[in-house]
Amino acid sequence: MIRVAVAKGYLLGKTAEIFEQLGVYFSEALTETRQLQITDTSGRYTFILVRPWDVPVFVANGAADMGVVGEDVLAEQQPNVVRLLDLKFGACQLVLAGLSASDSVKPYSRVATKYPRLTESYFQTKHCPISVLKLYGSIESAPVTGLADYIVDLTATGATLKANGLHSLDTLVESTALLVANPVRLRFLHPDISTLVTQIPAFL
């Protein structure tokens, strides 16, 4: 059996579509199930449904053999996983945004984000010291309320930024969904996982 960690939502729906085209079926819709683990009708695959930020943790620590996770999360966490395949869906960008489209970040500005590692690394390359405020949600409200001067956050269309009067100033990471594996489990399950990696591109 291969255990696959996937986050609920868009990534799960697209992943389920791909596996269905590979002949992997479940007794109920993955996007609607209340189960946290669900095994396909053949007993070959178990999907473990977790939060997006927990997917690399499950894979890196061997609780899942494989996972589907965004490049943004991998870049931030830098987990010990093997990148197998770009699945080419879930495209989005991690951007620096502020209230003014022509603004340039001043030293010691406050930047709100849930990506502190990537944010600090970005500003280090700019030789611009800043203060990072880590938030877990409602990132766009930080500049509007005066909590922070700028944000670093994920966007797909820019609609949420625009709705909150924010402008994208730069892109830190281009992200799509990736198929990853635990290094040890990859060696143990290499024939089966290798077959998946060979077959999946036909359905992307």
N, C-alpha and C. Protein backbone atom coordinates (compact mmCIF):
# COMPACT_ATOMS: atom_id res chain seq x y z
N MET A 1 0.84 -1.20 0.00
CA MET A 1 0.00 0.00 0.00
C MET A 1 0.87 1.25 0.00
N ILE A 2 0.47 2.25 -0.78
CA ILE A 2 1.17 3.53 -0.82
C ILE A 2 0.29 4.57 -0.13
N ARG A 3 0.87 5.28 0.83
CA ARG A 3 0.16 6.31 1.57
C ARG A 3 0.50 7.68 0.99
N VAL A 4 -0.54 8.43 0.62
CA VAL A 4 -0.35 9.72 -0.04
C VAL A 4 -0.97 10.82 0.82
N ALA A 5 -0.16 11.77 1.25
CA ALA A 5 -0.67 12.90 2.04
C ALA A 5 -1.06 14.03 1.10
N VAL A 6 -2.29 14.51 1.24
CA VAL A 6 -2.80 15.60 0.41
C VAL A 6 -3.66 16.51 1.28
N ALA A 7 -3.59 17.81 0.98
CA ALA A 7 -4.43 18.76 1.69
C ALA A 7 -5.82 18.81 1.08
N LYS A 8 -6.84 18.98 1.91
CA LYS A 8 -8.20 19.13 1.40
C LYS A 8 -8.30 20.41 0.57
N GLY A 9 -9.27 20.43 -0.34
CA GLY A 9 -9.45 21.60 -1.17
C GLY A 9 -9.05 21.34 -2.61
N TYR A 10 -8.56 22.39 -3.27
CA TYR A 10 -8.27 22.33 -4.70
C TYR A 10 -7.24 21.25 -5.03
N LEU A 11 -6.17 21.18 -4.25
CA LEU A 11 -5.12 20.20 -4.55
C LEU A 11 -5.65 18.77 -4.46
N LEU A 12 -6.51 18.53 -3.49
CA LEU A 12 -7.09 17.19 -3.33
C LEU A 12 -7.98 16.85 -4.53
N GLY A 13 -8.80 17.79 -4.96
CA GLY A 13 -9.68 17.54 -6.09
C GLY A 13 -8.92 17.20 -7.36
N LYS A 14 -7.87 17.96 -7.65
CA LYS A 14 -7.08 17.72 -8.85
C LYS A 14 -6.29 16.41 -8.73
N THR A 15 -5.77 16.12 -7.54
CA THR A 15 -5.03 14.88 -7.33
C THR A 15 -5.95 13.68 -7.52
N ALA A 16 -7.17 13.77 -6.98
CA ALA A 16 -8.14 12.69 -7.12
C ALA A 16 -8.47 12.45 -8.60
N GLU A 17 -8.59 13.53 -9.38
CA GLU A 17 -8.88 13.40 -10.81
C GLU A 17 -7.77 12.62 -11.51
N ILE A 18 -6.53 12.94 -11.19
CA ILE A 18 -5.40 12.25 -11.82
C ILE A 18 -5.39 10.78 -11.46
N PHE A 19 -5.59 10.46 -10.18
CA PHE A 19 -5.57 9.07 -9.76
C PHE A 19 -6.74 8.28 -10.33
N GLU A 20 -7.89 8.94 -10.49
CA GLU A 20 -9.03 8.26 -11.12
C GLU A 20 -8.69 7.88 -12.56
N GLN A 21 -7.98 8.75 -13.26
CA GLN A 21 -7.58 8.43 -14.62
C GLN A 21 -6.55 7.30 -14.66
N LEU A 22 -5.90 7.06 -13.52
CA LEU A 22 -4.97 5.94 -13.41
C LEU A 22 -5.68 4.66 -12.96
N GLY A 23 -7.00 4.75 -12.75
CA GLY A 23 -7.77 3.59 -12.34
C GLY A 23 -7.87 3.40 -10.84
N VAL A 24 -7.64 4.49 -10.10
CA VAL A 24 -7.72 4.43 -8.63
C VAL A 24 -9.03 5.08 -8.21
N TYR A 25 -9.92 4.29 -7.59
CA TYR A 25 -11.25 4.78 -7.22
C TYR A 25 -11.49 4.63 -5.72
N PHE A 26 -12.33 5.53 -5.20
CA PHE A 26 -12.68 5.50 -3.78
C PHE A 26 -14.19 5.35 -3.63
N SER A 27 -14.61 4.82 -2.51
CA SER A 27 -16.03 4.54 -2.29
C SER A 27 -16.85 5.81 -2.09
N GLU A 28 -16.20 6.93 -1.80
CA GLU A 28 -16.89 8.21 -1.69
C GLU A 28 -15.96 9.30 -2.21
N ALA A 29 -16.55 10.43 -2.55
CA ALA A 29 -15.77 11.52 -3.12
C ALA A 29 -14.76 12.04 -2.10
N LEU A 30 -13.51 12.13 -2.51
CA LEU A 30 -12.46 12.57 -1.60
C LEU A 30 -12.68 13.99 -1.11
N THR A 31 -13.27 14.82 -1.96
CA THR A 31 -13.49 16.21 -1.58
C THR A 31 -14.66 16.39 -0.62
N GLU A 32 -15.43 15.32 -0.39
CA GLU A 32 -16.59 15.42 0.49
C GLU A 32 -16.48 14.55 1.73
N THR A 33 -15.53 13.61 1.75
CA THR A 33 -15.43 12.68 2.87
C THR A 33 -15.05 13.39 4.17
N ARG A 34 -15.52 12.85 5.28
CA ARG A 34 -15.14 13.36 6.60
C ARG A 34 -14.01 12.51 7.21
N GLN A 35 -13.64 11.46 6.49
CA GLN A 35 -12.55 10.62 6.96
C GLN A 35 -11.22 11.34 6.80
N LEU A 36 -10.32 11.10 7.74
CA LEU A 36 -8.98 11.68 7.65
C LEU A 36 -8.03 10.77 6.88
N GLN A 37 -8.39 9.49 6.79
CA GLN A 37 -7.67 8.54 5.96
C GLN A 37 -8.69 7.72 5.19
N ILE A 38 -8.46 7.54 3.92
CA ILE A 38 -9.41 6.78 3.12
C ILE A 38 -8.64 5.93 2.11
N THR A 39 -8.98 4.64 2.05
CA THR A 39 -8.29 3.69 1.18
C THR A 39 -9.12 3.43 -0.07
N ASP A 40 -8.44 3.30 -1.20
CA ASP A 40 -9.16 3.08 -2.46
C ASP A 40 -9.76 1.69 -2.49
N THR A 41 -10.61 1.43 -3.47
CA THR A 41 -11.36 0.18 -3.54
C THR A 41 -10.47 -1.05 -3.75
N SER A 42 -9.27 -0.82 -4.30
CA SER A 42 -8.36 -1.94 -4.53
C SER A 42 -7.46 -2.23 -3.33
N GLY A 43 -7.41 -1.28 -2.37
CA GLY A 43 -6.55 -1.44 -1.20
C GLY A 43 -5.09 -1.12 -1.48
N ARG A 44 -4.83 -0.49 -2.63
CA ARG A 44 -3.43 -0.18 -2.99
C ARG A 44 -2.98 1.19 -2.50
N TYR A 45 -3.93 2.11 -2.31
CA TYR A 45 -3.57 3.47 -1.93
C TYR A 45 -4.42 3.94 -0.75
N THR A 46 -3.78 4.63 0.16
CA THR A 46 -4.49 5.32 1.23
C THR A 46 -4.16 6.80 1.15
N PHE A 47 -5.18 7.64 1.05
CA PHE A 47 -4.98 9.08 1.06
C PHE A 47 -5.13 9.57 2.49
N ILE A 48 -4.16 10.34 2.95
CA ILE A 48 -4.18 10.94 4.27
C ILE A 48 -4.47 12.42 4.09
N LEU A 49 -5.58 12.90 4.62
CA LEU A 49 -6.02 14.27 4.39
C LEU A 49 -5.58 15.15 5.56
N VAL A 50 -4.70 16.10 5.26
CA VAL A 50 -4.10 16.94 6.30
C VAL A 50 -4.12 18.40 5.85
N ARG A 51 -3.65 19.29 6.69
CA ARG A 51 -3.51 20.70 6.33
C ARG A 51 -2.34 20.86 5.36
N PRO A 52 -2.39 21.85 4.47
CA PRO A 52 -1.31 22.02 3.49
C PRO A 52 0.07 22.08 4.10
N TRP A 53 0.22 22.79 5.21
CA TRP A 53 1.54 22.94 5.82
C TRP A 53 2.02 21.67 6.51
N ASP A 54 1.11 20.71 6.71
CA ASP A 54 1.48 19.46 7.38
C ASP A 54 1.90 18.37 6.40
N VAL A 55 1.62 18.55 5.11
CA VAL A 55 1.96 17.51 4.13
C VAL A 55 3.45 17.17 4.16
N PRO A 56 4.37 18.14 4.09
CA PRO A 56 5.80 17.79 4.12
C PRO A 56 6.22 17.12 5.43
N VAL A 57 5.57 17.47 6.52
CA VAL A 57 5.90 16.88 7.82
C VAL A 57 5.56 15.39 7.83
N PHE A 58 4.38 15.05 7.31
CA PHE A 58 3.97 13.65 7.22
C PHE A 58 4.91 12.87 6.31
N VAL A 59 5.29 13.46 5.17
CA VAL A 59 6.14 12.75 4.22
C VAL A 59 7.57 12.63 4.74
N ALA A 60 8.13 13.71 5.23
CA ALA A 60 9.52 13.70 5.69
C ALA A 60 9.74 12.74 6.85
N ASN A 61 8.70 12.56 7.68
CA ASN A 61 8.83 11.70 8.85
C ASN A 61 8.30 10.29 8.62
N GLY A 62 7.93 9.96 7.38
CA GLY A 62 7.56 8.59 7.04
C GLY A 62 6.15 8.19 7.38
N ALA A 63 5.31 9.14 7.84
CA ALA A 63 3.91 8.80 8.10
C ALA A 63 3.15 8.66 6.79
N ALA A 64 3.68 9.29 5.73
CA ALA A 64 3.15 9.14 4.37
C ALA A 64 4.32 8.82 3.46
N ASP A 65 4.08 8.00 2.45
CA ASP A 65 5.14 7.64 1.50
C ASP A 65 5.34 8.75 0.48
N MET A 66 4.24 9.37 0.09
CA MET A 66 4.26 10.42 -0.91
C MET A 66 3.34 11.55 -0.46
N GLY A 67 3.46 12.69 -1.15
CA GLY A 67 2.58 13.80 -0.83
C GLY A 67 2.43 14.72 -2.02
N VAL A 68 1.37 15.51 -2.00
CA VAL A 68 1.15 16.54 -3.00
C VAL A 68 1.14 17.87 -2.26
N VAL A 69 2.08 18.75 -2.61
CA VAL A 69 2.26 19.99 -1.85
C VAL A 69 2.77 21.08 -2.77
N GLY A 70 2.47 22.32 -2.44
CA GLY A 70 2.90 23.45 -3.24
C GLY A 70 4.37 23.76 -3.06
N GLU A 71 4.99 24.28 -4.12
CA GLU A 71 6.39 24.69 -4.07
C GLU A 71 6.62 25.73 -2.99
N ASP A 72 5.62 26.60 -2.74
CA ASP A 72 5.77 27.63 -1.72
C ASP A 72 6.02 27.03 -0.34
N VAL A 73 5.29 25.95 -0.01
CA VAL A 73 5.44 25.30 1.29
C VAL A 73 6.80 24.61 1.38
N LEU A 74 7.21 23.95 0.30
CA LEU A 74 8.51 23.29 0.28
C LEU A 74 9.65 24.30 0.43
N ALA A 75 9.53 25.41 -0.27
CA ALA A 75 10.58 26.43 -0.21
C ALA A 75 10.69 27.02 1.20
N GLU A 76 9.56 27.16 1.87
CA GLU A 76 9.57 27.72 3.22
C GLU A 76 10.10 26.72 4.25
N GLN A 77 9.64 25.47 4.16
CA GLN A 77 10.00 24.48 5.17
C GLN A 77 11.32 23.78 4.89
N GLN A 78 11.67 23.63 3.63
CA GLN A 78 12.88 22.91 3.22
C GLN A 78 12.97 21.52 3.88
N PRO A 79 11.93 20.70 3.72
CA PRO A 79 11.91 19.38 4.35
C PRO A 79 12.79 18.37 3.61
N ASN A 80 13.08 17.28 4.28
CA ASN A 80 13.88 16.22 3.66
C ASN A 80 12.95 15.29 2.87
N VAL A 81 12.59 15.74 1.68
CA VAL A 81 11.74 14.95 0.78
C VAL A 81 12.36 14.98 -0.61
N VAL A 82 11.95 14.02 -1.44
CA VAL A 82 12.42 13.96 -2.82
C VAL A 82 11.33 14.52 -3.73
N ARG A 83 11.70 15.48 -4.55
CA ARG A 83 10.76 16.04 -5.51
C ARG A 83 10.69 15.11 -6.72
N LEU A 84 9.52 14.59 -6.99
CA LEU A 84 9.36 13.61 -8.06
C LEU A 84 8.83 14.21 -9.36
N LEU A 85 7.85 15.12 -9.24
CA LEU A 85 7.15 15.55 -10.45
C LEU A 85 6.42 16.86 -10.20
N ASP A 86 6.51 17.77 -11.18
CA ASP A 86 5.70 18.98 -11.16
C ASP A 86 4.34 18.61 -11.75
N LEU A 87 3.29 18.75 -10.96
CA LEU A 87 1.95 18.35 -11.39
C LEU A 87 1.25 19.43 -12.21
N LYS A 88 1.83 20.61 -12.28
CA LYS A 88 1.38 21.68 -13.19
C LYS A 88 -0.02 22.22 -12.89
N PHE A 89 -0.51 22.01 -11.68
CA PHE A 89 -1.76 22.69 -11.30
C PHE A 89 -1.53 23.43 -9.98
N GLY A 90 -2.50 24.22 -9.60
CA GLY A 90 -2.35 25.01 -8.38
C GLY A 90 -1.37 26.15 -8.53
N ALA A 91 -1.25 26.70 -9.74
CA ALA A 91 -0.28 27.77 -9.98
C ALA A 91 -0.63 29.02 -9.17
N CYS A 92 0.37 29.59 -8.51
CA CYS A 92 0.21 30.82 -7.74
C CYS A 92 1.59 31.43 -7.52
N GLN A 93 1.61 32.60 -6.92
CA GLN A 93 2.87 33.29 -6.68
C GLN A 93 2.93 33.79 -5.24
N LEU A 94 4.11 33.73 -4.66
CA LEU A 94 4.35 34.34 -3.36
C LEU A 94 4.88 35.73 -3.64
N VAL A 95 4.12 36.76 -3.24
CA VAL A 95 4.47 38.12 -3.64
C VAL A 95 4.66 39.04 -2.43
N LEU A 96 5.44 40.06 -2.67
CA LEU A 96 5.55 41.18 -1.75
C LEU A 96 4.52 42.21 -2.19
N ALA A 97 3.71 42.70 -1.27
CA ALA A 97 2.65 43.65 -1.63
C ALA A 97 2.56 44.77 -0.60
N GLY A 98 2.10 45.91 -1.10
CA GLY A 98 1.93 47.07 -0.22
C GLY A 98 0.78 47.93 -0.70
N LEU A 99 0.56 49.03 0.00
CA LEU A 99 -0.57 49.90 -0.31
C LEU A 99 -0.32 50.80 -1.52
N SER A 100 0.97 51.00 -1.87
CA SER A 100 1.30 51.86 -3.00
C SER A 100 2.00 51.06 -4.08
N ALA A 101 1.55 51.21 -5.33
CA ALA A 101 2.14 50.47 -6.43
C ALA A 101 3.55 50.92 -6.75
N SER A 102 3.91 52.15 -6.38
CA SER A 102 5.23 52.69 -6.70
C SER A 102 6.15 52.71 -5.50
N ASP A 103 5.78 52.01 -4.46
CA ASP A 103 6.53 52.04 -3.20
C ASP A 103 7.81 51.22 -3.30
N SER A 104 8.80 51.60 -2.52
CA SER A 104 10.00 50.79 -2.32
C SER A 104 10.16 50.59 -0.82
N VAL A 105 10.50 49.38 -0.43
CA VAL A 105 10.53 49.05 1.00
C VAL A 105 11.67 49.77 1.69
N LYS A 106 11.33 50.46 2.76
CA LYS A 106 12.34 51.18 3.54
C LYS A 106 12.89 50.27 4.62
N PRO A 107 14.16 50.44 4.98
CA PRO A 107 14.75 49.63 6.06
C PRO A 107 13.92 49.71 7.34
N TYR A 108 13.86 48.58 8.01
CA TYR A 108 13.16 48.43 9.30
C TYR A 108 11.64 48.53 9.17
N SER A 109 11.15 48.33 7.96
CA SER A 109 9.71 48.23 7.79
C SER A 109 9.21 46.93 8.42
N ARG A 110 7.94 46.88 8.72
CA ARG A 110 7.32 45.67 9.26
C ARG A 110 6.63 44.92 8.12
N VAL A 111 6.92 43.63 8.02
CA VAL A 111 6.37 42.80 6.95
C VAL A 111 5.62 41.63 7.57
N ALA A 112 4.32 41.54 7.30
CA ALA A 112 3.49 40.45 7.83
C ALA A 112 3.45 39.29 6.84
N THR A 113 3.58 38.08 7.35
CA THR A 113 3.62 36.90 6.47
C THR A 113 3.50 35.62 7.27
N LYS A 114 3.15 34.52 6.60
CA LYS A 114 3.28 33.21 7.21
C LYS A 114 4.44 32.46 6.58
N TYR A 115 5.28 33.21 5.86
CA TYR A 115 6.49 32.66 5.24
C TYR A 115 7.72 33.40 5.75
N PRO A 116 8.04 33.30 7.04
CA PRO A 116 9.14 34.09 7.60
C PRO A 116 10.51 33.75 7.00
N ARG A 117 10.78 32.47 6.72
CA ARG A 117 12.08 32.09 6.18
C ARG A 117 12.31 32.72 4.81
N LEU A 118 11.34 32.58 3.92
CA LEU A 118 11.47 33.13 2.58
C LEU A 118 11.51 34.65 2.60
N THR A 119 10.72 35.25 3.48
CA THR A 119 10.70 36.71 3.59
C THR A 119 12.04 37.26 4.06
N GLU A 120 12.58 36.66 5.10
CA GLU A 120 13.87 37.12 5.62
C GLU A 120 14.98 36.91 4.60
N SER A 121 14.95 35.78 3.91
CA SER A 121 15.96 35.50 2.89
C SER A 121 15.89 36.52 1.75
N TYR A 122 14.68 36.85 1.33
CA TYR A 122 14.49 37.81 0.24
C TYR A 122 15.08 39.16 0.60
N PHE A 123 14.76 39.65 1.79
CA PHE A 123 15.24 40.98 2.18
C PHE A 123 16.74 40.98 2.51
N GLN A 124 17.28 39.83 2.90
CA GLN A 124 18.72 39.75 3.11
C GLN A 124 19.46 39.96 1.79
N THR A 125 18.90 39.39 0.70
CA THR A 125 19.54 39.58 -0.61
C THR A 125 19.43 41.03 -1.06
N LYS A 126 18.45 41.75 -0.54
CA LYS A 126 18.29 43.16 -0.87
C LYS A 126 19.08 44.06 0.08
N HIS A 127 19.73 43.42 1.08
CA HIS A 127 20.47 44.17 2.11
C HIS A 127 19.59 45.22 2.78
N CYS A 128 18.35 44.76 3.04
CA CYS A 128 17.37 45.65 3.64
C CYS A 128 16.83 45.02 4.92
N PRO A 129 17.27 45.47 6.10
CA PRO A 129 16.78 44.89 7.35
C PRO A 129 15.31 45.22 7.57
N ILE A 130 14.53 44.21 7.93
CA ILE A 130 13.10 44.41 8.18
C ILE A 130 12.70 43.64 9.43
N SER A 131 11.51 43.92 9.90
CA SER A 131 10.94 43.19 11.04
C SER A 131 9.80 42.32 10.52
N VAL A 132 9.89 40.99 10.76
CA VAL A 132 8.89 40.06 10.28
C VAL A 132 7.84 39.79 11.36
N LEU A 133 6.59 39.95 10.99
CA LEU A 133 5.48 39.61 11.87
C LEU A 133 4.80 38.37 11.30
N LYS A 134 4.84 37.27 12.03
CA LYS A 134 4.25 36.04 11.51
C LYS A 134 2.76 35.98 11.84
N LEU A 135 1.96 35.86 10.77
CA LEU A 135 0.52 35.71 10.92
C LEU A 135 0.10 34.39 10.28
N TYR A 136 -1.05 33.88 10.70
CA TYR A 136 -1.55 32.62 10.17
C TYR A 136 -2.79 32.80 9.29
N GLY A 137 -3.27 34.01 9.20
CA GLY A 137 -4.44 34.28 8.37
C GLY A 137 -4.71 35.77 8.32
N SER A 138 -5.60 36.16 7.41
CA SER A 138 -5.96 37.58 7.24
C SER A 138 -4.72 38.44 7.03
N ILE A 139 -3.78 37.94 6.24
CA ILE A 139 -2.53 38.66 6.01
C ILE A 139 -2.80 40.02 5.36
N GLU A 140 -3.76 40.06 4.43
CA GLU A 140 -4.02 41.29 3.68
C GLU A 140 -4.49 42.44 4.57
N SER A 141 -5.02 42.12 5.73
CA SER A 141 -5.53 43.18 6.60
C SER A 141 -4.41 43.91 7.35
N ALA A 142 -3.19 43.35 7.35
CA ALA A 142 -2.11 43.93 8.14
C ALA A 142 -1.75 45.36 7.72
N PRO A 143 -1.54 45.64 6.41
CA PRO A 143 -1.24 47.03 6.04
C PRO A 143 -2.43 47.97 6.22
N VAL A 144 -3.61 47.46 5.96
CA VAL A 144 -4.83 48.28 6.05
C VAL A 144 -5.06 48.76 7.47
N THR A 145 -4.77 47.91 8.45
CA THR A 145 -5.00 48.24 9.85
C THR A 145 -3.80 48.91 10.51
N GLY A 146 -2.68 48.97 9.77
CA GLY A 146 -1.48 49.58 10.34
C GLY A 146 -0.61 48.62 11.12
N LEU A 147 -0.97 47.33 11.12
CA LEU A 147 -0.15 46.35 11.83
C LEU A 147 1.22 46.21 11.18
N ALA A 148 1.24 46.25 9.84
CA ALA A 148 2.50 46.10 9.10
C ALA A 148 2.51 47.07 7.93
N ASP A 149 3.70 47.29 7.41
CA ASP A 149 3.85 48.17 6.25
C ASP A 149 3.63 47.42 4.94
N TYR A 150 4.02 46.14 4.94
CA TYR A 150 3.93 45.31 3.74
C TYR A 150 3.54 43.90 4.14
N ILE A 151 3.20 43.11 3.14
CA ILE A 151 2.94 41.69 3.37
C ILE A 151 3.71 40.86 2.34
N VAL A 152 3.98 39.63 2.69
CA VAL A 152 4.43 38.62 1.73
C VAL A 152 3.41 37.51 1.83
N ASP A 153 2.68 37.28 0.74
CA ASP A 153 1.58 36.32 0.80
C ASP A 153 1.39 35.66 -0.56
N LEU A 154 0.62 34.57 -0.54
CA LEU A 154 0.36 33.80 -1.75
C LEU A 154 -0.85 34.36 -2.48
N THR A 155 -0.75 34.45 -3.81
CA THR A 155 -1.87 34.90 -4.61
C THR A 155 -1.93 34.13 -5.92
N ALA A 156 -3.13 33.86 -6.37
CA ALA A 156 -3.31 33.16 -7.65
C ALA A 156 -3.73 34.13 -8.74
N THR A 157 -4.69 34.99 -8.43
CA THR A 157 -5.21 35.93 -9.43
C THR A 157 -4.94 37.39 -9.07
N GLY A 158 -4.61 37.64 -7.82
CA GLY A 158 -4.42 39.02 -7.37
C GLY A 158 -5.70 39.69 -6.94
N ALA A 159 -6.82 38.98 -7.04
CA ALA A 159 -8.12 39.57 -6.73
C ALA A 159 -8.24 39.98 -5.26
N THR A 160 -7.73 39.14 -4.36
CA THR A 160 -7.82 39.46 -2.93
C THR A 160 -6.95 40.66 -2.59
N LEU A 161 -5.77 40.74 -3.21
CA LEU A 161 -4.91 41.90 -2.99
C LEU A 161 -5.64 43.17 -3.44
N LYS A 162 -6.19 43.12 -4.63
CA LYS A 162 -6.88 44.28 -5.19
C LYS A 162 -8.07 44.69 -4.33
N ALA A 163 -8.81 43.70 -3.84
CA ALA A 163 -9.99 43.98 -3.03
C ALA A 163 -9.63 44.68 -1.72
N ASN A 164 -8.39 44.50 -1.29
CA ASN A 164 -7.94 45.12 -0.04
C ASN A 164 -7.01 46.31 -0.29
N GLY A 165 -7.02 46.82 -1.53
CA GLY A 165 -6.25 48.01 -1.84
C GLY A 165 -4.75 47.81 -1.88
N LEU A 166 -4.31 46.56 -2.14
CA LEU A 166 -2.88 46.24 -2.15
C LEU A 166 -2.36 46.04 -3.57
N HIS A 167 -1.08 46.31 -3.74
CA HIS A 167 -0.45 46.17 -5.04
C HIS A 167 0.76 45.24 -4.92
N SER A 168 0.88 44.34 -5.88
CA SER A 168 2.03 43.44 -5.91
C SER A 168 3.27 44.22 -6.33
N LEU A 169 4.35 44.08 -5.54
CA LEU A 169 5.58 44.82 -5.80
C LEU A 169 6.69 43.94 -6.36
N ASP A 170 6.67 42.67 -6.00
CA ASP A 170 7.70 41.74 -6.49
C ASP A 170 7.23 40.32 -6.21
N THR A 171 7.80 39.36 -6.97
CA THR A 171 7.47 37.95 -6.78
C THR A 171 8.66 37.22 -6.17
N LEU A 172 8.41 36.51 -5.07
CA LEU A 172 9.48 35.76 -4.41
C LEU A 172 9.57 34.34 -4.93
N VAL A 173 8.41 33.69 -5.15
CA VAL A 173 8.38 32.28 -5.56
C VAL A 173 7.21 32.06 -6.51
N GLU A 174 7.48 31.35 -7.61
CA GLU A 174 6.42 30.85 -8.48
C GLU A 174 6.11 29.42 -8.02
N SER A 175 4.86 29.14 -7.76
CA SER A 175 4.52 27.86 -7.14
C SER A 175 3.49 27.07 -7.94
N THR A 176 3.71 25.76 -8.03
CA THR A 176 2.71 24.82 -8.52
C THR A 176 2.74 23.61 -7.58
N ALA A 177 1.79 22.71 -7.74
CA ALA A 177 1.75 21.50 -6.91
C ALA A 177 2.83 20.53 -7.37
N LEU A 178 3.51 19.93 -6.41
CA LEU A 178 4.55 18.95 -6.70
C LEU A 178 4.22 17.62 -6.03
N LEU A 179 4.62 16.54 -6.69
CA LEU A 179 4.54 15.21 -6.09
C LEU A 179 5.89 14.94 -5.44
N VAL A 180 5.88 14.64 -4.14
CA VAL A 180 7.13 14.41 -3.40
C VAL A 180 7.07 13.06 -2.70
N ALA A 181 8.22 12.58 -2.26
CA ALA A 181 8.27 11.28 -1.59
C ALA A 181 9.26 11.29 -0.44
N ASN A 182 9.03 10.42 0.51
CA ASN A 182 9.98 10.18 1.58
C ASN A 182 11.18 9.43 1.00
N PRO A 183 12.42 9.87 1.24
CA PRO A 183 13.60 9.24 0.62
C PRO A 183 13.72 7.74 0.88
N VAL A 184 13.45 7.35 2.12
CA VAL A 184 13.58 5.92 2.47
C VAL A 184 12.47 5.11 1.84
N ARG A 185 11.24 5.61 1.93
CA ARG A 185 10.10 4.89 1.36
C ARG A 185 10.19 4.84 -0.17
N LEU A 186 10.82 5.83 -0.76
CA LEU A 186 11.00 5.83 -2.21
C LEU A 186 11.86 4.66 -2.65
N ARG A 187 12.91 4.37 -1.90
CA ARG A 187 13.76 3.22 -2.23
C ARG A 187 13.00 1.91 -2.04
N PHE A 188 12.21 1.85 -0.97
CA PHE A 188 11.48 0.62 -0.65
C PHE A 188 10.35 0.36 -1.65
N LEU A 189 9.71 1.44 -2.09
CA LEU A 189 8.56 1.32 -3.00
C LEU A 189 8.90 1.76 -4.42
N HIS A 190 10.16 1.75 -4.76
CA HIS A 190 10.61 2.35 -6.02
C HIS A 190 9.86 1.84 -7.25
N PRO A 191 9.64 0.54 -7.43
CA PRO A 191 8.93 0.08 -8.64
C PRO A 191 7.54 0.70 -8.78
N ASP A 192 6.78 0.72 -7.68
CA ASP A 192 5.41 1.25 -7.74
C ASP A 192 5.40 2.76 -7.94
N ILE A 193 6.25 3.47 -7.21
CA ILE A 193 6.28 4.92 -7.32
C ILE A 193 6.82 5.34 -8.68
N SER A 194 7.82 4.61 -9.17
CA SER A 194 8.38 4.91 -10.48
C SER A 194 7.31 4.77 -11.57
N THR A 195 6.46 3.77 -11.44
CA THR A 195 5.37 3.58 -12.41
C THR A 195 4.42 4.77 -12.39
N LEU A 196 4.08 5.24 -11.20
CA LEU A 196 3.21 6.41 -11.07
C LEU A 196 3.82 7.63 -11.75
N VAL A 197 5.10 7.87 -11.46
CA VAL A 197 5.79 9.04 -12.01
C VAL A 197 5.84 8.97 -13.53
N THR A 198 5.91 7.76 -14.07
CA THR A 198 5.93 7.59 -15.53
C THR A 198 4.55 7.80 -16.14
N GLN A 199 3.50 7.38 -15.43
CA GLN A 199 2.15 7.43 -15.97
C GLN A 199 1.47 8.79 -15.82
N ILE A 200 1.71 9.47 -14.72
CA ILE A 200 0.97 10.70 -14.41
C ILE A 200 1.09 11.79 -15.48
N PRO A 201 2.27 12.05 -16.05
CA PRO A 201 2.38 13.15 -17.03
C PRO A 201 1.39 13.07 -18.18
N ALA A 202 0.93 11.89 -18.53
CA ALA A 202 -0.03 11.74 -19.63
C ALA A 202 -1.38 12.38 -19.30
N PHE A 203 -1.63 12.61 -18.02
CA PHE A 203 -2.92 13.14 -17.60
C PHE A 203 -2.84 14.58 -17.09
N LEU A 204 -1.70 15.21 -17.27
CA LEU A 204 -1.54 16.60 -16.80
C LEU A 204 -1.93 17.58 -17.89
